[in-house]
Protein backbone atom coordinates (compact mmCIF):
# COMPACT_ATOMS: atom_id res chain seq x y z
CA MET A 1 -22.55 -10.06 15.65
CA SER A 2 -24.89 -12.06 14.94
CA ASP A 3 -25.31 -14.36 11.70
CA GLN A 4 -28.62 -12.99 11.21
CA LEU A 5 -27.92 -9.36 12.15
CA GLU A 6 -24.52 -9.73 10.27
CA ALA A 7 -26.71 -10.72 6.86
CA LYS A 8 -28.31 -7.90 7.07
CA LEU A 9 -26.02 -5.11 7.74
CA VAL A 10 -23.23 -6.24 5.76
CA PRO A 11 -24.68 -6.35 2.31
CA GLU A 12 -26.03 -2.08 3.38
CA PHE A 13 -22.97 -1.59 4.57
CA ARG A 14 -20.92 -2.45 1.51
CA ALA A 15 -23.16 -0.90 -0.77
CA ARG A 16 -22.92 2.67 0.75
CA VAL A 17 -19.63 2.67 1.53
CA GLY A 18 -19.07 1.59 -2.08
CA ALA A 19 -21.36 3.90 -3.25
CA LEU A 20 -18.96 6.75 -1.59
CA GLY A 21 -15.99 5.19 -3.60
CA PHE A 22 -14.61 3.03 -0.83
CA GLU A 23 -14.50 -0.83 -0.42
CA LEU A 24 -16.07 -2.33 3.35
CA VAL A 25 -13.30 -4.03 4.69
CA ASP A 26 -14.57 -5.21 8.17
CA LEU A 27 -17.72 -4.43 10.05
CA ARG A 28 -18.11 -5.26 13.71
CA ARG A 29 -20.67 -4.91 16.53
CA ARG A 30 -19.82 -4.03 19.57
CA GLY A 31 -21.37 -2.60 22.91
CA SER A 32 -24.53 -3.54 24.52
CA ALA A 33 -28.15 -3.41 23.25
CA THR A 34 -29.27 -0.57 24.49
CA ARG A 35 -25.63 1.56 23.66
CA VAL A 36 -24.57 -0.51 20.32
CA ILE A 37 -20.79 -0.27 19.10
CA LEU A 38 -20.16 -0.05 15.46
CA GLN A 39 -17.31 -0.39 14.01
CA VAL A 40 -16.21 0.06 10.81
CA ARG A 41 -13.22 -0.29 8.31
CA ILE A 42 -12.50 0.90 4.85
CA ASP A 43 -9.79 0.40 2.41
CA ARG A 44 -9.69 1.95 -1.55
CA PRO A 45 -10.26 -0.72 -3.45
CA ASP A 46 -7.29 -0.14 -5.26
CA ALA A 47 -5.09 0.10 -2.07
CA ALA A 48 -1.55 0.12 -2.20
CA PRO A 49 1.57 1.20 0.03
CA GLY A 50 1.23 4.78 1.14
CA ARG A 51 -2.60 5.07 -0.15
CA GLY A 52 -3.99 4.62 3.03
CA ILE A 53 -7.17 6.14 4.13
CA THR A 54 -7.48 9.56 5.73
CA VAL A 55 -9.05 10.87 8.54
CA ASN A 56 -11.11 13.25 6.30
CA GLU A 57 -12.27 10.34 4.60
CA CYS A 58 -13.35 8.25 7.49
CA ALA A 59 -15.31 11.36 8.23
CA GLU A 60 -16.99 10.94 4.94
CA VAL A 61 -18.09 8.02 5.48
CA SER A 62 -19.02 8.29 8.78
CA ARG A 63 -21.29 11.68 7.82
CA ALA A 64 -22.87 9.53 5.28
CA LEU A 65 -23.64 6.57 7.51
CA GLU A 66 -25.03 8.53 10.63
CA PRO A 67 -28.65 9.66 8.28
CA TRP A 68 -29.22 6.22 7.15
CA LEU A 69 -28.08 4.56 10.53
CA ASP A 70 -30.62 6.85 12.67
CA GLY A 71 -33.45 6.43 10.03
CA SER A 72 -33.04 2.60 9.47
CA GLY A 73 -33.86 1.39 13.36
CA LEU A 74 -31.21 -1.52 12.67
CA VAL A 75 -29.04 -0.55 15.46
CA GLY A 76 -31.23 1.79 17.95
CA PRO A 77 -31.18 5.09 18.85
CA ARG A 78 -28.35 5.49 21.07
CA TYR A 79 -24.83 4.05 18.99
CA VAL A 80 -21.31 5.12 18.27
CA LEU A 81 -20.20 4.63 14.94
CA GLU A 82 -16.83 4.79 14.35
CA VAL A 83 -15.29 4.31 11.07
CA SER A 84 -11.24 4.01 10.17
CA SER A 85 -8.70 2.23 8.08
CA PRO A 86 -7.89 -1.48 8.29
CA GLY A 87 -4.54 -0.82 9.49
CA ILE A 88 -1.47 -2.78 8.42
CA GLU A 89 -2.38 -5.62 9.92
CA ARG A 90 -6.04 -5.76 8.13
CA PRO A 91 -8.79 -8.07 8.91
CA VAL A 92 -9.24 -10.97 6.30
CA ARG A 93 -12.67 -11.48 7.25
CA TRP A 94 -14.52 -12.36 3.47
CA ARG A 95 -14.01 -14.81 0.76
CA GLU A 96 -13.25 -12.05 -1.23
CA HIS A 97 -10.22 -11.26 1.00
CA TRP A 98 -8.97 -14.83 1.32
CA GLU A 99 -8.85 -14.79 -2.44
CA ARG A 100 -7.09 -11.39 -2.64
CA PHE A 101 -4.22 -12.16 -0.32
CA VAL A 102 -3.38 -15.44 -1.57
CA GLY A 103 0.54 -15.99 -0.72
CA HIS A 104 0.55 -13.93 1.95
CA ASP A 105 1.01 -14.86 6.12
CA VAL A 106 -2.28 -14.50 7.87
CA HIS A 107 -2.68 -14.75 11.73
CA VAL A 108 -5.45 -16.92 11.72
CA ARG A 109 -7.76 -18.42 15.13
CA LEU A 110 -9.01 -21.82 14.24
CA ALA A 111 -11.33 -24.02 15.78
CA GLY A 112 -9.43 -26.84 17.79
CA ARG A 113 -5.92 -25.48 16.88
CA GLY A 114 -6.26 -21.89 18.07
CA ARG A 115 -3.87 -18.93 16.83
CA VAL A 116 -2.02 -19.40 14.37
CA THR A 117 0.50 -17.70 11.78
CA ALA A 118 -0.39 -19.63 8.25
CA THR A 119 0.50 -19.12 4.69
CA ILE A 120 -2.71 -18.80 2.15
CA VAL A 121 -2.40 -21.01 -0.26
CA GLU A 122 -5.57 -21.43 -2.04
CA VAL A 123 -9.37 -20.61 -2.11
CA PRO A 124 -10.73 -23.64 -3.76
CA GLU A 125 -13.06 -22.87 -6.60
CA GLY A 126 -16.95 -23.48 -5.33
CA ARG A 127 -16.04 -24.28 -1.85
CA ASP A 128 -16.64 -22.15 1.43
CA ALA A 129 -12.49 -22.75 2.16
CA VAL A 130 -9.44 -21.84 2.35
CA LEU A 131 -6.40 -24.13 1.65
CA LEU A 132 -3.67 -22.75 4.18
CA ARG A 133 0.45 -24.06 4.42
CA ILE A 134 0.64 -24.09 9.03
CA GLY A 135 4.43 -24.85 8.93
CA ALA A 136 4.79 -28.36 6.45
CA ASP A 137 1.37 -29.12 6.32
CA GLU A 138 -1.30 -27.76 3.45
CA VAL A 139 -4.72 -28.04 5.88
CA GLU A 140 -8.28 -26.63 4.03
CA VAL A 141 -10.30 -25.24 6.74
CA ASP A 142 -13.74 -24.26 6.15
CA LEU A 143 -14.32 -20.48 6.17
CA GLY A 144 -16.76 -20.71 8.66
CA GLU A 145 -14.37 -22.12 11.13
CA VAL A 146 -12.27 -18.75 11.36
CA SER A 147 -12.91 -16.93 13.85
CA ASP A 148 -10.51 -13.92 13.64
CA ALA A 149 -7.73 -13.77 10.57
CA THR A 150 -5.59 -10.81 10.11
CA LEU A 151 -2.87 -10.23 7.65
CA ALA A 152 0.77 -11.07 9.17
CA VAL A 153 3.20 -8.47 9.15
CA ASP A 154 7.04 -8.73 9.19
CA TRP A 155 7.54 -6.02 11.63
CA THR A 156 11.53 -6.71 10.91
CA GLU A 157 10.80 -5.68 7.49
CA ILE A 158 9.04 -2.54 8.42
CA GLY A 159 11.40 1.03 7.30
CA ARG A 160 13.72 -1.19 4.93
CA GLY A 161 14.07 -1.09 1.38
CA GLY A 162 13.86 2.94 1.07
CA GLY A 163 16.22 5.65 2.10
CA GLY A 164 20.01 4.06 0.92
CA GLU A 165 20.18 1.76 3.51
């Protein structure tokens, strides 16, 4: 999505999704100029394990966004709107996400380094940057250099920790 379009759409989507009681986790524009695909990921502001977004909640948000999109002309007359949960490997996209997940591991694509797994150490006050631990090194990275980041899940731990194992 172009920076200009994102600067316009993200605040609009945040406001509308927030008014419905949800948090906008990610917004992606795909497709072509004649058939835009908008991928919207939502969550609860108080998200906790076992309290995921339901299909009915995705449908509710989709139904609420469609009339606005139809009338706004922001994405053209032909579009596909996909509303879903962020999933277990949720995107870490905006500064507030980085702040929320300090101490967590992320898979992140960095300019000049490619895709790495890192731990979020800190989000420095007043700077658009994040301090990451990559192996034994701590590296400050400008958030503009991050092209893709998701929470890292230790799949060996999934299914453990309950049920008497």
